[in-house]
Amino acid sequence: MTLPDVEQVLGDPTASFWLKNALRLALSRDPVDAANDAEVLARLLDHRACKILSEI
């Protein structure tokens, strides 16, 4: 799967409001800080999802 660019995500009517909002907020930050925070957030959410799925 090819990763879309920022403009494609922001212009995609099927992209969630949450994702678009997070992306807009991240674009106003230092790009390294934003990328590091996004990586931590992704890992936390992945861990939570795996935990919930393992309990099913």
PDB file of N, CA and C in Angstrom:
ATOM      1  N   MET A   1       0.843  -1.184   0.000  1.00  0.00           N
ATOM      2  CA  MET A   1       0.000   0.000   0.000  1.00  0.00           C
ATOM      3  C   MET A   1       0.889   1.248   0.000  1.00  0.00           C
ATOM      4  N   THR A   2       0.591   2.166  -0.875  1.00  0.00           N
ATOM      5  CA  THR A   2       1.332   3.418  -0.973  1.00  0.00           C
ATOM      6  C   THR A   2       0.745   4.419   0.030  1.00  0.00           C
ATOM      7  N   LEU A   3       1.624   5.075   0.746  1.00  0.00           N
ATOM      8  CA  LEU A   3       1.190   6.072   1.718  1.00  0.00           C
ATOM      9  C   LEU A   3       0.761   7.341   0.991  1.00  0.00           C
ATOM     10  N   PRO A   4      -0.453   7.841   1.273  1.00  0.00           N
ATOM     11  CA  PRO A   4      -0.873   9.088   0.619  1.00  0.00           C
ATOM     12  C   PRO A   4      -0.102  10.264   1.198  1.00  0.00           C
ATOM     13  N   ASP A   5      -0.064  11.366   0.452  1.00  0.00           N
ATOM     14  CA  ASP A   5       0.596  12.552   0.997  1.00  0.00           C
ATOM     15  C   ASP A   5      -0.420  13.357   1.815  1.00  0.00           C
ATOM     16  N   VAL A   6       0.079  14.371   2.491  1.00  0.00           N
ATOM     17  CA  VAL A   6      -0.734  15.171   3.406  1.00  0.00           C
ATOM     18  C   VAL A   6      -1.956  15.753   2.702  1.00  0.00           C
ATOM     19  N   GLU A   7      -1.761  16.331   1.531  1.00  0.00           N
ATOM     20  CA  GLU A   7      -2.861  16.963   0.812  1.00  0.00           C
ATOM     21  C   GLU A   7      -3.938  15.950   0.440  1.00  0.00           C
ATOM     22  N   GLN A   8      -3.522  14.738   0.089  1.00  0.00           N
ATOM     23  CA  GLN A   8      -4.500  13.707  -0.265  1.00  0.00           C
ATOM     24  C   GLN A   8      -5.356  13.336   0.937  1.00  0.00           C
ATOM     25  N   VAL A   9      -4.727  13.177   2.089  1.00  0.00           N
ATOM     26  CA  VAL A   9      -5.491  12.836   3.296  1.00  0.00           C
ATOM     27  C   VAL A   9      -6.444  13.963   3.667  1.00  0.00           C
ATOM     28  N   LEU A  10      -5.945  15.193   3.657  1.00  0.00           N
ATOM     29  CA  LEU A  10      -6.800  16.324   4.023  1.00  0.00           C
ATOM     30  C   LEU A  10      -7.954  16.517   3.043  1.00  0.00           C
ATOM     31  N   GLY A  11      -7.757  16.153   1.795  1.00  0.00           N
ATOM     32  CA  GLY A  11      -8.805  16.298   0.790  1.00  0.00           C
ATOM     33  C   GLY A  11      -9.687  15.086   0.621  1.00  0.00           C
ATOM     34  N   ASP A  12      -9.414  14.020   1.348  1.00  0.00           N
ATOM     35  CA  ASP A  12     -10.162  12.768   1.205  1.00  0.00           C
ATOM     36  C   ASP A  12     -11.444  12.819   2.030  1.00  0.00           C
ATOM     37  N   PRO A  13     -12.599  12.785   1.383  1.00  0.00           N
ATOM     38  CA  PRO A  13     -13.847  12.843   2.145  1.00  0.00           C
ATOM     39  C   PRO A  13     -14.082  11.605   3.004  1.00  0.00           C
ATOM     40  N   THR A  14     -13.374  10.528   2.755  1.00  0.00           N
ATOM     41  CA  THR A  14     -13.549   9.317   3.556  1.00  0.00           C
ATOM     42  C   THR A  14     -12.591   9.255   4.746  1.00  0.00           C
ATOM     43  N   ALA A  15     -11.610  10.141   4.793  1.00  0.00           N
ATOM     44  CA  ALA A  15     -10.693  10.177   5.933  1.00  0.00           C
ATOM     45  C   ALA A  15     -11.446  10.732   7.142  1.00  0.00           C
ATOM     46  N   SER A  16     -11.163  10.183   8.301  1.00  0.00           N
ATOM     47  CA  SER A  16     -11.901  10.585   9.499  1.00  0.00           C
ATOM     48  C   SER A  16     -11.573  12.024   9.905  1.00  0.00           C
ATOM     49  N   PHE A  17     -12.546  12.635  10.562  1.00  0.00           N
ATOM     50  CA  PHE A  17     -12.345  13.978  11.100  1.00  0.00           C
ATOM     51  C   PHE A  17     -11.185  13.967  12.081  1.00  0.00           C
ATOM     52  N   TRP A  18     -11.110  12.920  12.918  1.00  0.00           N
ATOM     53  CA  TRP A  18     -10.056  12.814  13.920  1.00  0.00           C
ATOM     54  C   TRP A  18      -8.682  12.825  13.263  1.00  0.00           C
ATOM     55  N   LEU A  19      -8.513  12.038  12.208  1.00  0.00           N
ATOM     56  CA  LEU A  19      -7.229  11.975  11.510  1.00  0.00           C
ATOM     57  C   LEU A  19      -6.876  13.319  10.883  1.00  0.00           C
ATOM     58  N   LYS A  20      -7.826  13.935  10.214  1.00  0.00           N
ATOM     59  CA  LYS A  20      -7.569  15.224   9.573  1.00  0.00           C
ATOM     60  C   LYS A  20      -7.220  16.292  10.608  1.00  0.00           C
ATOM     61  N   ASN A  21      -7.933  16.293  11.715  1.00  0.00           N
ATOM     62  CA  ASN A  21      -7.668  17.263  12.772  1.00  0.00           C
ATOM     63  C   ASN A  21      -6.281  17.049  13.370  1.00  0.00           C
ATOM     64  N   ALA A  22      -5.941  15.795  13.656  1.00  0.00           N
ATOM     65  CA  ALA A  22      -4.618  15.484  14.210  1.00  0.00           C
ATOM     66  C   ALA A  22      -3.518  15.890  13.233  1.00  0.00           C
ATOM     67  N   LEU A  23      -3.737  15.660  11.954  1.00  0.00           N
ATOM     68  CA  LEU A  23      -2.752  16.017  10.941  1.00  0.00           C
ATOM     69  C   LEU A  23      -2.574  17.528  10.860  1.00  0.00           C
ATOM     70  N   ARG A  24      -3.665  18.265  10.871  1.00  0.00           N
ATOM     71  CA  ARG A  24      -3.571  19.733  10.835  1.00  0.00           C
ATOM     72  C   ARG A  24      -2.812  20.276  12.050  1.00  0.00           C
ATOM     73  N   LEU A  25      -3.116  19.733  13.224  1.00  0.00           N
ATOM     74  CA  LEU A  25      -2.416  20.168  14.437  1.00  0.00           C
ATOM     75  C   LEU A  25      -0.934  19.817  14.365  1.00  0.00           C
ATOM     76  N   ALA A  26      -0.615  18.640  13.863  1.00  0.00           N
ATOM     77  CA  ALA A  26       0.780  18.206  13.775  1.00  0.00           C
ATOM     78  C   ALA A  26       1.575  19.070  12.799  1.00  0.00           C
ATOM     79  N   LEU A  27       0.934  19.538  11.748  1.00  0.00           N
ATOM     80  CA  LEU A  27       1.636  20.349  10.747  1.00  0.00           C
ATOM     81  C   LEU A  27       2.096  21.695  11.290  1.00  0.00           C
ATOM     82  N   SER A  28       1.480  22.138  12.377  1.00  0.00           N
ATOM     83  CA  SER A  28       1.876  23.424  12.955  1.00  0.00           C
ATOM     84  C   SER A  28       2.996  23.272  13.984  1.00  0.00           C
ATOM     85  N   ARG A  29       3.424  22.036  14.225  1.00  0.00           N
ATOM     86  CA  ARG A  29       4.452  21.758  15.234  1.00  0.00           C
ATOM     87  C   ARG A  29       5.807  21.511  14.578  1.00  0.00           C
ATOM     88  N   ASP A  30       6.825  21.424  15.425  1.00  0.00           N
ATOM     89  CA  ASP A  30       8.128  20.985  14.938  1.00  0.00           C
ATOM     90  C   ASP A  30       7.950  19.596  14.343  1.00  0.00           C
ATOM     91  N   PRO A  31       8.411  19.362  13.106  1.00  0.00           N
ATOM     92  CA  PRO A  31       8.143  18.078  12.454  1.00  0.00           C
ATOM     93  C   PRO A  31       8.766  16.871  13.157  1.00  0.00           C
ATOM     94  N   VAL A  32       9.925  17.034  13.767  1.00  0.00           N
ATOM     95  CA  VAL A  32      10.548  15.915  14.478  1.00  0.00           C
ATOM     96  C   VAL A  32       9.761  15.587  15.737  1.00  0.00           C
ATOM     97  N   ASP A  33       9.379  16.604  16.492  1.00  0.00           N
ATOM     98  CA  ASP A  33       8.575  16.379  17.693  1.00  0.00           C
ATOM     99  C   ASP A  33       7.235  15.729  17.338  1.00  0.00           C
ATOM    100  N   ALA A  34       6.600  16.231  16.298  1.00  0.00           N
ATOM    101  CA  ALA A  34       5.308  15.685  15.888  1.00  0.00           C
ATOM    102  C   ALA A  34       5.439  14.226  15.451  1.00  0.00           C
ATOM    103  N   ALA A  35       6.479  13.913  14.706  1.00  0.00           N
ATOM    104  CA  ALA A  35       6.687  12.536  14.253  1.00  0.00           C
ATOM    105  C   ALA A  35       6.974  11.615  15.430  1.00  0.00           C
ATOM    106  N   ASN A  36       7.782  12.072  16.367  1.00  0.00           N
ATOM    107  CA  ASN A  36       8.077  11.255  17.549  1.00  0.00           C
ATOM    108  C   ASN A  36       6.818  11.007  18.377  1.00  0.00           C
ATOM    109  N   ASP A  37       6.027  12.045  18.587  1.00  0.00           N
ATOM    110  CA  ASP A  37       4.788  11.885  19.342  1.00  0.00           C
ATOM    111  C   ASP A  37       3.805  10.973  18.615  1.00  0.00           C
ATOM    112  N   ALA A  38       3.733  11.102  17.308  1.00  0.00           N
ATOM    113  CA  ALA A  38       2.836  10.253  16.521  1.00  0.00           C
ATOM    114  C   ALA A  38       3.255   8.788  16.605  1.00  0.00           C
ATOM    115  N   GLU A  39       4.548   8.541  16.623  1.00  0.00           N
ATOM    116  CA  GLU A  39       5.032   7.165  16.740  1.00  0.00           C
ATOM    117  C   GLU A  39       4.651   6.573  18.092  1.00  0.00           C
ATOM    118  N   VAL A  40       4.826   7.338  19.160  1.00  0.00           N
ATOM    119  CA  VAL A  40       4.446   6.861  20.488  1.00  0.00           C
ATOM    120  C   VAL A  40       2.941   6.613  20.549  1.00  0.00           C
ATOM    121  N   LEU A  41       2.154   7.541  20.014  1.00  0.00           N
ATOM    122  CA  LEU A  41       0.708   7.386  19.997  1.00  0.00           C
ATOM    123  C   LEU A  41       0.301   6.127  19.232  1.00  0.00           C
ATOM    124  N   ALA A  42       0.892   5.902  18.079  1.00  0.00           N
ATOM    125  CA  ALA A  42       0.573   4.716  17.276  1.00  0.00           C
ATOM    126  C   ALA A  42       0.904   3.436  18.038  1.00  0.00           C
ATOM    127  N   ARG A  43       2.036   3.415  18.714  1.00  0.00           N
ATOM    128  CA  ARG A  43       2.424   2.226  19.484  1.00  0.00           C
ATOM    129  C   ARG A  43       1.475   1.991  20.650  1.00  0.00           C
ATOM    130  N   LEU A  44       1.088   3.064  21.347  1.00  0.00           N
ATOM    131  CA  LEU A  44       0.138   2.931  22.457  1.00  0.00           C
ATOM    132  C   LEU A  44      -1.215   2.405  21.984  1.00  0.00           C
ATOM    133  N   LEU A  45      -1.707   2.970  20.882  1.00  0.00           N
ATOM    134  CA  LEU A  45      -3.002   2.538  20.359  1.00  0.00           C
ATOM    135  C   LEU A  45      -2.945   1.099  19.836  1.00  0.00           C
ATOM    136  N   ASP A  46      -1.837   0.735  19.202  1.00  0.00           N
ATOM    137  CA  ASP A  46      -1.667  -0.638  18.727  1.00  0.00           C
ATOM    138  C   ASP A  46      -1.653  -1.612  19.896  1.00  0.00           C
ATOM    139  N   HIS A  47      -0.917  -1.251  20.956  1.00  0.00           N
ATOM    140  CA  HIS A  47      -0.848  -2.101  22.145  1.00  0.00           C
ATOM    141  C   HIS A  47      -2.237  -2.270  22.759  1.00  0.00           C
ATOM    142  N   ARG A  48      -2.978  -1.179  22.863  1.00  0.00           N
ATOM    143  CA  ARG A  48      -4.329  -1.230  23.425  1.00  0.00           C
ATOM    144  C   ARG A  48      -5.243  -2.104  22.579  1.00  0.00           C
ATOM    145  N   ALA A  49      -5.172  -1.941  21.259  1.00  0.00           N
ATOM    146  CA  ALA A  49      -6.010  -2.741  20.366  1.00  0.00           C
ATOM    147  C   ALA A  49      -5.681  -4.227  20.473  1.00  0.00           C
ATOM    148  N   CYS A  50      -4.406  -4.553  20.522  1.00  0.00           N
ATOM    149  CA  CYS A  50      -3.990  -5.959  20.653  1.00  0.00           C
ATOM    150  C   CYS A  50      -4.475  -6.546  21.971  1.00  0.00           C
ATOM    151  N   LYS A  51      -4.397  -5.779  23.043  1.00  0.00           N
ATOM    152  CA  LYS A  51      -4.853  -6.231  24.357  1.00  0.00           C
ATOM    153  C   LYS A  51      -6.341  -6.498  24.334  1.00  0.00           C
ATOM    154  N   ILE A  52      -7.098  -5.581  23.772  1.00  0.00           N
ATOM    155  CA  ILE A  52      -8.555  -5.759  23.695  1.00  0.00           C
ATOM    156  C   ILE A  52      -8.905  -6.963  22.833  1.00  0.00           C
ATOM    157  N   LEU A  53      -8.253  -7.112  21.698  1.00  0.00           N
ATOM    158  CA  LEU A  53      -8.540  -8.240  20.817  1.00  0.00           C
ATOM    159  C   LEU A  53      -8.167  -9.576  21.446  1.00  0.00           C
ATOM    160  N   SER A  54      -7.121  -9.598  22.250  1.00  0.00           N
ATOM    161  CA  SER A  54      -6.718 -10.856  22.893  1.00  0.00           C
ATOM    162  C   SER A  54      -7.693 -11.274  23.988  1.00  0.00           C
ATOM    163  N   GLU A  55      -8.474 -10.318  24.492  1.00  0.00           N
ATOM    164  CA  GLU A  55      -9.452 -10.624  25.534  1.00  0.00           C
ATOM    165  C   GLU A  55     -10.773 -11.106  24.972  1.00  0.00           C
ATOM    166  N   ILE A  56     -10.929 -11.042  23.676  1.00  0.00           N
ATOM    167  CA  ILE A  56     -12.198 -11.454  23.040  1.00  0.00           C
ATOM    168  C   ILE A  56     -12.248 -12.959  22.908  1.00  0.00           C
TER     169      ILE A  56
END
